[in-house]
């Protein structure tokens, strides 16, 4: 089962890199970052598909989108000097809490 969570983490990593490079590509006006956006988004799909072989789609998608969203918010703050305020921080915490609750719902269901 661990292997499928690794696939999911690889999918998340590729998606986060692709999204970060989308910002760096400056509206697809910079060639290398633009090409890498496509490469990383293409790599996301097989990893996510492999993860879905053993992880419930509701949990996998929530983890993928939640961690991706939280990661991009943090990257935006660190790399692109985007504003971080208490509302954004609370939203990131709630995203993470939601992911934990979804995962716990599968454990408690048995």
C-alpha atoms as a PDB file:
ATOM      1  CA  UNK A   1       0.000   0.000   0.000  1.00  0.00           C
ATOM      2  CA  UNK A   2       2.926   2.327   0.701  1.00  0.00           C
ATOM      3  CA  UNK A   3       3.909   2.232  -2.963  1.00  0.00           C
ATOM      4  CA  UNK A   4       0.552   3.725  -3.972  1.00  0.00           C
ATOM      5  CA  UNK A   5       0.969   6.574  -1.495  1.00  0.00           C
ATOM      6  CA  UNK A   6       4.403   7.192  -3.026  1.00  0.00           C
ATOM      7  CA  UNK A   7       2.751   7.358  -6.456  1.00  0.00           C
ATOM      8  CA  UNK A   8       0.300   9.898  -5.048  1.00  0.00           C
ATOM      9  CA  UNK A   9       3.120  11.991  -3.582  1.00  0.00           C
ATOM     10  CA  UNK A  10       4.935  11.886  -6.940  1.00  0.00           C
ATOM     11  CA  UNK A  11       1.743  13.048  -8.671  1.00  0.00           C
ATOM     12  CA  UNK A  12       1.423  15.895  -6.181  1.00  0.00           C
ATOM     13  CA  UNK A  13       5.071  16.847  -6.632  1.00  0.00           C
ATOM     14  CA  UNK A  14       4.738  16.939 -10.419  1.00  0.00           C
ATOM     15  CA  UNK A  15       1.549  18.989 -10.217  1.00  0.00           C
ATOM     16  CA  UNK A  16       3.107  21.482  -7.795  1.00  0.00           C
ATOM     17  CA  UNK A  17       6.231  21.808  -9.960  1.00  0.00           C
ATOM     18  CA  UNK A  18       4.078  22.273 -13.063  1.00  0.00           C
ATOM     19  CA  UNK A  19       2.012  24.969 -11.390  1.00  0.00           C
ATOM     20  CA  UNK A  20       5.095  26.754 -10.046  1.00  0.00           C
ATOM     21  CA  UNK A  21       6.675  26.674 -13.497  1.00  0.00           C
ATOM     22  CA  UNK A  22       3.451  28.026 -14.973  1.00  0.00           C
ATOM     23  CA  UNK A  23       4.017  31.191 -12.925  1.00  0.00           C
ATOM     24  CA  UNK A  24       7.701  31.273 -13.881  1.00  0.00           C
ATOM     25  CA  UNK A  25       6.812  30.848 -17.584  1.00  0.00           C
ATOM     26  CA  UNK A  26       5.248  34.320 -17.476  1.00  0.00           C
ATOM     27  CA  UNK A  27       2.189  33.407 -19.520  1.00  0.00           C
ATOM     28  CA  UNK A  28       4.113  30.871 -21.616  1.00  0.00           C
ATOM     29  CA  UNK A  29       6.495  33.563 -22.858  1.00  0.00           C
ATOM     30  CA  UNK A  30       9.611  31.772 -21.526  1.00  0.00           C
ATOM     31  CA  UNK A  31      10.396  28.628 -23.506  1.00  0.00           C
ATOM     32  CA  UNK A  32      12.060  26.280 -20.996  1.00  0.00           C
ATOM     33  CA  UNK A  33       9.603  26.831 -18.131  1.00  0.00           C
ATOM     34  CA  UNK A  34       6.723  26.510 -20.615  1.00  0.00           C
ATOM     35  CA  UNK A  35       7.988  23.157 -21.870  1.00  0.00           C
ATOM     36  CA  UNK A  36       8.538  21.960 -18.300  1.00  0.00           C
ATOM     37  CA  UNK A  37       4.941  22.882 -17.375  1.00  0.00           C
ATOM     38  CA  UNK A  38       3.705  20.448 -19.992  1.00  0.00           C
ATOM     39  CA  UNK A  39       6.218  17.772 -19.001  1.00  0.00           C
ATOM     40  CA  UNK A  40       5.289  17.879 -15.311  1.00  0.00           C
ATOM     41  CA  UNK A  41       1.553  17.934 -15.958  1.00  0.00           C
ATOM     42  CA  UNK A  42       1.915  14.938 -18.276  1.00  0.00           C
ATOM     43  CA  UNK A  43       3.944  13.119 -15.582  1.00  0.00           C
ATOM     44  CA  UNK A  44       1.230  13.844 -13.015  1.00  0.00           C
ATOM     45  CA  UNK A  45      -1.377  11.706 -14.769  1.00  0.00           C
ATOM     46  CA  UNK A  46       0.275   8.264 -14.736  1.00  0.00           C
ATOM     47  CA  UNK A  47       1.380   8.657 -11.117  1.00  0.00           C
ATOM     48  CA  UNK A  48      -2.120   9.676 -10.036  1.00  0.00           C
ATOM     49  CA  UNK A  49      -3.657   6.844 -12.073  1.00  0.00           C
ATOM     50  CA  UNK A  50      -1.331   4.312 -10.428  1.00  0.00           C
ATOM     51  CA  UNK A  51      -2.203   5.670  -6.981  1.00  0.00           C
ATOM     52  CA  UNK A  52      -5.899   5.122  -7.708  1.00  0.00           C
ATOM     53  CA  UNK A  53      -5.319   1.388  -8.063  1.00  0.00           C
ATOM     54  CA  UNK A  54      -5.270   1.051  -4.246  1.00  0.00           C
ATOM     55  CA  UNK A  55      -6.332   4.415  -2.782  1.00  0.00           C
ATOM     56  CA  UNK A  56      -9.998   5.437  -2.803  1.00  0.00           C
ATOM     57  CA  UNK A  57     -10.583   8.168  -5.366  1.00  0.00           C
ATOM     58  CA  UNK A  58     -12.280  10.447  -2.812  1.00  0.00           C
ATOM     59  CA  UNK A  59      -9.290  10.294  -0.493  1.00  0.00           C
ATOM     60  CA  UNK A  60      -6.662  10.421  -3.257  1.00  0.00           C
ATOM     61  CA  UNK A  61      -8.215  13.453  -4.929  1.00  0.00           C
ATOM     62  CA  UNK A  62      -8.682  15.285  -1.630  1.00  0.00           C
ATOM     63  CA  UNK A  63      -5.064  14.627  -0.660  1.00  0.00           C
ATOM     64  CA  UNK A  64      -3.819  15.568  -4.140  1.00  0.00           C
ATOM     65  CA  UNK A  65      -5.748  18.807  -4.395  1.00  0.00           C
ATOM     66  CA  UNK A  66      -5.381  19.740  -0.731  1.00  0.00           C
ATOM     67  CA  UNK A  67      -1.646  19.233  -0.445  1.00  0.00           C
ATOM     68  CA  UNK A  68      -1.200  20.792  -3.874  1.00  0.00           C
ATOM     69  CA  UNK A  69      -3.197  23.870  -2.894  1.00  0.00           C
ATOM     70  CA  UNK A  70      -1.428  24.274   0.448  1.00  0.00           C
ATOM     71  CA  UNK A  71       1.978  23.760  -1.190  1.00  0.00           C
ATOM     72  CA  UNK A  72       1.305  26.341  -3.886  1.00  0.00           C
ATOM     73  CA  UNK A  73       0.134  28.857  -1.282  1.00  0.00           C
ATOM     74  CA  UNK A  74       3.381  28.365   0.643  1.00  0.00           C
ATOM     75  CA  UNK A  75       5.506  28.476  -2.525  1.00  0.00           C
ATOM     76  CA  UNK A  76       3.700  31.647  -3.601  1.00  0.00           C
ATOM     77  CA  UNK A  77       4.610  33.248  -0.291  1.00  0.00           C
ATOM     78  CA  UNK A  78       8.248  32.105  -0.324  1.00  0.00           C
ATOM     79  CA  UNK A  79       9.206  32.368  -4.010  1.00  0.00           C
ATOM     80  CA  UNK A  80       6.840  34.984  -5.387  1.00  0.00           C
ATOM     81  CA  UNK A  81       6.473  37.186  -2.285  1.00  0.00           C
ATOM     82  CA  UNK A  82       2.689  36.775  -2.290  1.00  0.00           C
ATOM     83  CA  UNK A  83       0.817  38.030   0.748  1.00  0.00           C
ATOM     84  CA  UNK A  84       0.268  35.639   3.657  1.00  0.00           C
ATOM     85  CA  UNK A  85      -2.262  36.623   6.275  1.00  0.00           C
ATOM     86  CA  UNK A  86      -4.178  34.927   9.092  1.00  0.00           C
ATOM     87  CA  UNK A  87      -7.063  34.000   6.776  1.00  0.00           C
ATOM     88  CA  UNK A  88      -4.743  32.206   4.339  1.00  0.00           C
ATOM     89  CA  UNK A  89      -2.976  30.446   7.180  1.00  0.00           C
ATOM     90  CA  UNK A  90      -6.320  29.337   8.647  1.00  0.00           C
ATOM     91  CA  UNK A  91      -7.434  28.101   5.228  1.00  0.00           C
ATOM     92  CA  UNK A  92      -4.259  26.021   4.821  1.00  0.00           C
ATOM     93  CA  UNK A  93      -4.736  24.558   8.303  1.00  0.00           C
ATOM     94  CA  UNK A  94      -8.363  23.674   7.462  1.00  0.00           C
ATOM     95  CA  UNK A  95      -7.288  22.011   4.200  1.00  0.00           C
ATOM     96  CA  UNK A  96      -4.790  19.856   6.091  1.00  0.00           C
ATOM     97  CA  UNK A  97      -7.380  19.069   8.775  1.00  0.00           C
ATOM     98  CA  UNK A  98      -9.833  17.999   6.080  1.00  0.00           C
ATOM     99  CA  UNK A  99      -7.279  15.670   4.532  1.00  0.00           C
ATOM    100  CA  UNK A 100      -6.538  14.103   7.918  1.00  0.00           C
ATOM    101  CA  UNK A 101     -10.273  13.659   8.600  1.00  0.00           C
ATOM    102  CA  UNK A 102     -10.836  11.993   5.210  1.00  0.00           C
ATOM    103  CA  UNK A 103      -7.998   9.583   5.862  1.00  0.00           C
ATOM    104  CA  UNK A 104      -9.276   8.828   9.361  1.00  0.00           C
ATOM    105  CA  UNK A 105     -12.745   8.142   7.985  1.00  0.00           C
ATOM    106  CA  UNK A 106     -11.321   5.209   6.017  1.00  0.00           C
ATOM    107  CA  UNK A 107      -9.460   3.879   9.070  1.00  0.00           C
ATOM    108  CA  UNK A 108     -12.449   4.075  11.408  1.00  0.00           C
ATOM    109  CA  UNK A 109     -14.734   2.454   8.846  1.00  0.00           C
ATOM    110  CA  UNK A 110     -12.541  -0.616   8.948  1.00  0.00           C
END
